[in-house]
Amino acid sequence: MGGGAQEDASIAKSNKEKPSHGDNSKSEPKYDQTFSGPIVEVTAEKITVSRSILGKPAEKRTFWIKSDTRIEGKLRVRVKVTVGFVTTDDGDVARLVVVRTSQKPAEKK
């Protein structure tokens, strides 16, 4: 039975090493895909985001904003966002919209 205490310790250690996904999954909405870029149009029920990738034409996507969509930050035209969304029969539904702030690196002297 001496090995039982060692097994308990290793189980406790492995539980501590795992990130607390259980907590995050409740607070962060589930989404299948992400789309990032500046907002080109925003209304109460929709958001249109443009994305340009080097060597490809610019791509615009419109996402529905529902009552359960979580928005982090203030949505304005030309602000950069990352949209976590799911595709439904109604179209692309935003589940999470995160406004990306422009962080300027501190000058090193």
N, C-alpha and C. Protein backbone atom coordinates (compact mmCIF):
# COMPACT_ATOMS: atom_id res chain seq x y z
N MET A 1 0.80 -1.20 0.00
CA MET A 1 0.00 0.00 0.00
C MET A 1 0.84 1.26 0.00
N GLY A 2 2.11 1.11 0.13
CA GLY A 2 3.00 2.27 0.12
C GLY A 2 2.95 3.00 -1.21
N GLY A 3 2.68 2.27 -2.32
CA GLY A 3 2.61 2.89 -3.64
C GLY A 3 1.38 3.74 -3.82
N GLY A 4 0.34 3.53 -3.01
CA GLY A 4 -0.90 4.28 -3.14
C GLY A 4 -0.70 5.76 -2.91
N ALA A 5 0.09 6.12 -1.91
CA ALA A 5 0.34 7.54 -1.62
C ALA A 5 1.11 8.17 -2.77
N GLN A 6 2.03 7.41 -3.36
CA GLN A 6 2.81 7.94 -4.48
C GLN A 6 1.90 8.17 -5.68
N GLU A 7 0.97 7.25 -5.94
CA GLU A 7 0.04 7.42 -7.05
C GLU A 7 -0.84 8.64 -6.82
N ASP A 8 -1.31 8.83 -5.59
CA ASP A 8 -2.14 9.99 -5.28
C ASP A 8 -1.37 11.28 -5.53
N ALA A 9 -0.10 11.31 -5.18
CA ALA A 9 0.72 12.50 -5.38
C ALA A 9 0.90 12.78 -6.88
N SER A 10 1.11 11.72 -7.67
CA SER A 10 1.30 11.94 -9.10
C SER A 10 0.00 12.38 -9.76
N ILE A 11 -1.14 11.88 -9.28
CA ILE A 11 -2.42 12.32 -9.82
C ILE A 11 -2.64 13.79 -9.49
N ALA A 12 -2.36 14.16 -8.25
CA ALA A 12 -2.52 15.56 -7.84
C ALA A 12 -1.60 16.45 -8.66
N LYS A 13 -0.37 15.98 -8.92
CA LYS A 13 0.58 16.78 -9.70
C LYS A 13 0.08 16.94 -11.13
N SER A 14 -0.42 15.86 -11.74
CA SER A 14 -0.89 15.96 -13.12
C SER A 14 -2.11 16.87 -13.22
N ASN A 15 -2.96 16.90 -12.19
CA ASN A 15 -4.10 17.80 -12.20
C ASN A 15 -3.66 19.26 -12.12
N LYS A 16 -2.60 19.54 -11.38
CA LYS A 16 -2.09 20.90 -11.27
C LYS A 16 -1.44 21.35 -12.57
N GLU A 17 -0.80 20.44 -13.28
CA GLU A 17 -0.09 20.81 -14.51
C GLU A 17 -1.04 21.15 -15.65
N LYS A 18 -2.23 20.56 -15.65
CA LYS A 18 -3.18 20.81 -16.73
C LYS A 18 -3.73 22.22 -16.58
N PRO A 19 -3.85 22.94 -17.71
CA PRO A 19 -4.47 24.26 -17.63
C PRO A 19 -5.93 24.12 -17.24
N SER A 20 -6.45 25.09 -16.56
CA SER A 20 -7.81 25.00 -16.05
C SER A 20 -8.81 25.24 -17.17
N HIS A 21 -8.87 24.30 -18.13
CA HIS A 21 -9.80 24.43 -19.24
C HIS A 21 -11.24 24.33 -18.77
N GLY A 22 -11.47 23.63 -17.69
CA GLY A 22 -12.82 23.49 -17.17
C GLY A 22 -13.43 24.85 -16.86
N ASP A 23 -12.65 25.76 -16.29
CA ASP A 23 -13.14 27.09 -15.96
C ASP A 23 -13.31 27.93 -17.22
N ASN A 24 -12.34 27.86 -18.13
CA ASN A 24 -12.37 28.68 -19.33
C ASN A 24 -13.49 28.27 -20.27
N SER A 25 -13.78 26.98 -20.36
CA SER A 25 -14.80 26.53 -21.31
C SER A 25 -16.18 27.05 -20.92
N LYS A 26 -16.41 27.30 -19.64
CA LYS A 26 -17.68 27.85 -19.21
C LYS A 26 -17.78 29.32 -19.55
N SER A 27 -16.69 30.07 -19.42
CA SER A 27 -16.74 31.50 -19.65
C SER A 27 -16.49 31.86 -21.11
N GLU A 28 -15.70 31.08 -21.83
CA GLU A 28 -15.42 31.40 -23.23
C GLU A 28 -16.36 30.62 -24.13
N PRO A 29 -17.06 31.32 -25.03
CA PRO A 29 -18.00 30.64 -25.91
C PRO A 29 -17.29 29.68 -26.86
N LYS A 30 -18.01 28.66 -27.29
CA LYS A 30 -17.46 27.69 -28.23
C LYS A 30 -17.56 28.25 -29.65
N TYR A 31 -16.46 28.12 -30.41
CA TYR A 31 -16.48 28.51 -31.81
C TYR A 31 -15.57 27.59 -32.59
N ASP A 32 -15.85 27.48 -33.90
CA ASP A 32 -15.12 26.55 -34.75
C ASP A 32 -13.94 27.19 -35.46
N GLN A 33 -14.09 28.44 -35.88
CA GLN A 33 -13.07 29.10 -36.69
C GLN A 33 -12.86 30.53 -36.19
N THR A 34 -11.75 31.13 -36.65
CA THR A 34 -11.48 32.53 -36.31
C THR A 34 -11.21 33.31 -37.59
N PHE A 35 -11.41 34.61 -37.51
CA PHE A 35 -11.19 35.51 -38.64
C PHE A 35 -10.71 36.83 -38.04
N SER A 36 -9.58 37.34 -38.52
CA SER A 36 -9.01 38.56 -37.94
C SER A 36 -8.80 39.62 -39.01
N GLY A 37 -8.99 40.87 -38.61
CA GLY A 37 -8.75 41.99 -39.52
C GLY A 37 -9.47 43.22 -39.01
N PRO A 38 -9.37 44.32 -39.76
CA PRO A 38 -10.05 45.55 -39.35
C PRO A 38 -11.55 45.51 -39.71
N ILE A 39 -12.35 46.16 -38.88
CA ILE A 39 -13.79 46.26 -39.14
C ILE A 39 -14.00 47.27 -40.26
N VAL A 40 -14.82 46.91 -41.25
CA VAL A 40 -15.17 47.85 -42.32
C VAL A 40 -16.60 48.36 -42.17
N GLU A 41 -17.43 47.59 -41.45
CA GLU A 41 -18.81 48.02 -41.21
C GLU A 41 -19.31 47.36 -39.94
N VAL A 42 -20.03 48.14 -39.13
CA VAL A 42 -20.58 47.58 -37.89
C VAL A 42 -21.98 48.14 -37.67
N THR A 43 -22.92 47.24 -37.36
CA THR A 43 -24.28 47.63 -37.00
C THR A 43 -24.63 46.90 -35.71
N ALA A 44 -25.85 47.07 -35.24
CA ALA A 44 -26.27 46.42 -33.99
C ALA A 44 -26.32 44.91 -34.15
N GLU A 45 -26.65 44.42 -35.36
CA GLU A 45 -26.80 42.98 -35.53
C GLU A 45 -25.75 42.33 -36.41
N LYS A 46 -24.88 43.12 -37.06
CA LYS A 46 -23.86 42.55 -37.94
C LYS A 46 -22.53 43.27 -37.82
N ILE A 47 -21.47 42.55 -38.16
CA ILE A 47 -20.13 43.13 -38.21
C ILE A 47 -19.45 42.59 -39.46
N THR A 48 -18.82 43.48 -40.24
CA THR A 48 -18.10 43.07 -41.44
C THR A 48 -16.62 43.34 -41.23
N VAL A 49 -15.81 42.30 -41.44
CA VAL A 49 -14.38 42.37 -41.20
C VAL A 49 -13.65 42.06 -42.51
N SER A 50 -12.60 42.81 -42.79
CA SER A 50 -11.79 42.59 -43.98
C SER A 50 -10.46 41.99 -43.58
N ARG A 51 -9.98 41.06 -44.40
CA ARG A 51 -8.69 40.43 -44.10
C ARG A 51 -7.88 40.42 -45.38
N SER A 52 -6.63 40.83 -45.28
CA SER A 52 -5.76 40.76 -46.45
C SER A 52 -4.54 39.93 -46.10
N ILE A 53 -4.30 38.93 -46.94
CA ILE A 53 -3.15 38.04 -46.78
C ILE A 53 -2.23 38.27 -47.97
N LEU A 54 -0.95 38.36 -47.71
CA LEU A 54 0.02 38.62 -48.76
C LEU A 54 -0.11 37.60 -49.89
N GLY A 55 -0.23 38.10 -51.11
CA GLY A 55 -0.33 37.22 -52.26
C GLY A 55 -1.74 36.77 -52.58
N LYS A 56 -2.73 37.19 -51.78
CA LYS A 56 -4.12 36.81 -52.02
C LYS A 56 -4.97 38.08 -52.04
N PRO A 57 -6.11 38.04 -52.73
CA PRO A 57 -6.98 39.22 -52.71
C PRO A 57 -7.61 39.41 -51.33
N ALA A 58 -7.97 40.65 -51.01
CA ALA A 58 -8.61 40.94 -49.72
C ALA A 58 -9.92 40.18 -49.63
N GLU A 59 -10.23 39.72 -48.44
CA GLU A 59 -11.44 38.92 -48.20
C GLU A 59 -12.28 39.62 -47.14
N LYS A 60 -13.57 39.77 -47.41
CA LYS A 60 -14.49 40.36 -46.43
C LYS A 60 -15.47 39.30 -45.98
N ARG A 61 -15.77 39.31 -44.70
CA ARG A 61 -16.77 38.40 -44.15
C ARG A 61 -17.68 39.16 -43.21
N THR A 62 -18.95 38.81 -43.26
CA THR A 62 -19.94 39.43 -42.38
C THR A 62 -20.40 38.40 -41.37
N PHE A 63 -20.46 38.82 -40.12
CA PHE A 63 -20.84 37.93 -39.02
C PHE A 63 -22.07 38.50 -38.32
N TRP A 64 -23.01 37.64 -37.98
CA TRP A 64 -24.17 38.03 -37.20
C TRP A 64 -23.77 38.17 -35.75
N ILE A 65 -24.27 39.21 -35.09
CA ILE A 65 -24.06 39.39 -33.66
C ILE A 65 -25.38 39.04 -32.97
N LYS A 66 -25.34 38.00 -32.16
CA LYS A 66 -26.54 37.54 -31.45
C LYS A 66 -26.48 37.99 -30.00
N SER A 67 -27.53 37.71 -29.25
CA SER A 67 -27.59 38.13 -27.85
C SER A 67 -26.53 37.42 -27.00
N ASP A 68 -26.11 36.21 -27.42
CA ASP A 68 -25.10 35.48 -26.64
C ASP A 68 -23.68 35.70 -27.14
N THR A 69 -23.49 36.61 -28.11
CA THR A 69 -22.15 36.92 -28.59
C THR A 69 -21.41 37.72 -27.53
N ARG A 70 -20.20 37.28 -27.19
CA ARG A 70 -19.39 37.99 -26.20
C ARG A 70 -18.48 38.97 -26.92
N ILE A 71 -18.55 40.24 -26.56
CA ILE A 71 -17.75 41.29 -27.19
C ILE A 71 -16.81 41.86 -26.15
N GLU A 72 -15.52 41.81 -26.45
CA GLU A 72 -14.51 42.35 -25.55
C GLU A 72 -13.91 43.58 -26.20
N GLY A 73 -14.30 44.75 -25.72
CA GLY A 73 -13.81 46.01 -26.27
C GLY A 73 -14.92 46.75 -26.98
N LYS A 74 -14.59 47.93 -27.53
CA LYS A 74 -15.57 48.77 -28.21
C LYS A 74 -15.43 48.58 -29.71
N LEU A 75 -16.52 48.19 -30.37
CA LEU A 75 -16.49 47.96 -31.81
C LEU A 75 -16.64 49.29 -32.55
N ARG A 76 -15.67 49.58 -33.40
CA ARG A 76 -15.69 50.78 -34.23
C ARG A 76 -15.09 50.42 -35.59
N VAL A 77 -15.41 51.20 -36.59
CA VAL A 77 -14.85 50.99 -37.92
C VAL A 77 -13.34 51.23 -37.86
N ARG A 78 -12.59 50.41 -38.55
CA ARG A 78 -11.12 50.44 -38.69
C ARG A 78 -10.36 49.90 -37.49
N VAL A 79 -11.05 49.44 -36.45
CA VAL A 79 -10.35 48.84 -35.32
C VAL A 79 -10.13 47.36 -35.65
N LYS A 80 -8.98 46.81 -35.24
CA LYS A 80 -8.67 45.41 -35.55
C LYS A 80 -9.33 44.49 -34.53
N VAL A 81 -9.93 43.42 -35.04
CA VAL A 81 -10.62 42.47 -34.18
C VAL A 81 -10.28 41.05 -34.59
N THR A 82 -10.50 40.14 -33.68
CA THR A 82 -10.47 38.71 -33.97
C THR A 82 -11.85 38.18 -33.61
N VAL A 83 -12.47 37.50 -34.58
CA VAL A 83 -13.82 36.99 -34.41
C VAL A 83 -13.77 35.47 -34.35
N GLY A 84 -14.28 34.91 -33.27
CA GLY A 84 -14.47 33.46 -33.18
C GLY A 84 -15.91 33.19 -33.59
N PHE A 85 -16.12 32.32 -34.59
CA PHE A 85 -17.46 32.15 -35.12
C PHE A 85 -17.79 30.71 -35.44
N VAL A 86 -19.08 30.48 -35.60
CA VAL A 86 -19.59 29.19 -36.06
C VAL A 86 -20.43 29.45 -37.31
N THR A 87 -20.42 28.50 -38.23
CA THR A 87 -21.22 28.62 -39.44
C THR A 87 -22.52 27.86 -39.25
N THR A 88 -23.64 28.56 -39.44
CA THR A 88 -24.96 27.96 -39.29
C THR A 88 -25.73 28.13 -40.60
N ASP A 89 -26.97 27.68 -40.61
CA ASP A 89 -27.81 27.86 -41.79
C ASP A 89 -28.09 29.34 -42.04
N ASP A 90 -28.09 30.14 -40.97
CA ASP A 90 -28.32 31.58 -41.09
C ASP A 90 -27.10 32.33 -41.62
N GLY A 91 -25.94 31.70 -41.58
CA GLY A 91 -24.69 32.35 -41.98
C GLY A 91 -23.67 32.20 -40.88
N ASP A 92 -22.64 33.05 -40.91
CA ASP A 92 -21.59 33.01 -39.89
C ASP A 92 -22.07 33.80 -38.67
N VAL A 93 -22.08 33.14 -37.52
CA VAL A 93 -22.53 33.77 -36.28
C VAL A 93 -21.33 33.96 -35.36
N ALA A 94 -21.06 35.22 -35.00
CA ALA A 94 -19.95 35.53 -34.11
C ALA A 94 -20.28 35.04 -32.71
N ARG A 95 -19.38 34.31 -32.09
CA ARG A 95 -19.55 33.85 -30.71
C ARG A 95 -18.68 34.69 -29.78
N LEU A 96 -17.53 35.14 -30.29
CA LEU A 96 -16.59 35.94 -29.49
C LEU A 96 -15.94 36.97 -30.40
N VAL A 97 -15.97 38.24 -30.01
CA VAL A 97 -15.31 39.30 -30.76
C VAL A 97 -14.36 40.00 -29.80
N VAL A 98 -13.07 39.98 -30.14
CA VAL A 98 -12.06 40.59 -29.29
C VAL A 98 -11.42 41.74 -30.05
N VAL A 99 -11.49 42.94 -29.49
CA VAL A 99 -10.86 44.11 -30.08
C VAL A 99 -9.38 44.07 -29.74
N ARG A 100 -8.54 44.16 -30.76
CA ARG A 100 -7.08 44.15 -30.58
C ARG A 100 -6.58 45.57 -30.44
N THR A 101 -5.99 45.88 -29.29
CA THR A 101 -5.42 47.20 -29.07
C THR A 101 -4.01 47.24 -29.65
N SER A 102 -3.64 48.38 -30.20
CA SER A 102 -2.30 48.51 -30.75
C SER A 102 -1.32 48.76 -29.61
N GLN A 103 -0.54 47.74 -29.32
CA GLN A 103 0.43 47.86 -28.23
C GLN A 103 1.78 48.25 -28.82
N LYS A 104 2.23 49.42 -28.43
CA LYS A 104 3.54 49.86 -28.91
C LYS A 104 4.61 49.36 -27.97
N PRO A 105 5.63 48.71 -28.50
CA PRO A 105 6.68 48.19 -27.60
C PRO A 105 7.41 49.33 -26.90
N ALA A 106 7.77 49.08 -25.66
CA ALA A 106 8.52 50.07 -24.89
C ALA A 106 9.90 50.27 -25.50
N GLU A 107 10.32 51.51 -25.56
CA GLU A 107 11.64 51.78 -26.14
C GLU A 107 12.74 51.33 -25.21
N LYS A 108 13.70 50.62 -25.76
CA LYS A 108 14.83 50.17 -24.96
C LYS A 108 15.97 51.16 -25.14
N LYS A 109 16.58 51.52 -24.03
CA LYS A 109 17.67 52.50 -24.09
C LYS A 109 18.96 51.89 -23.63
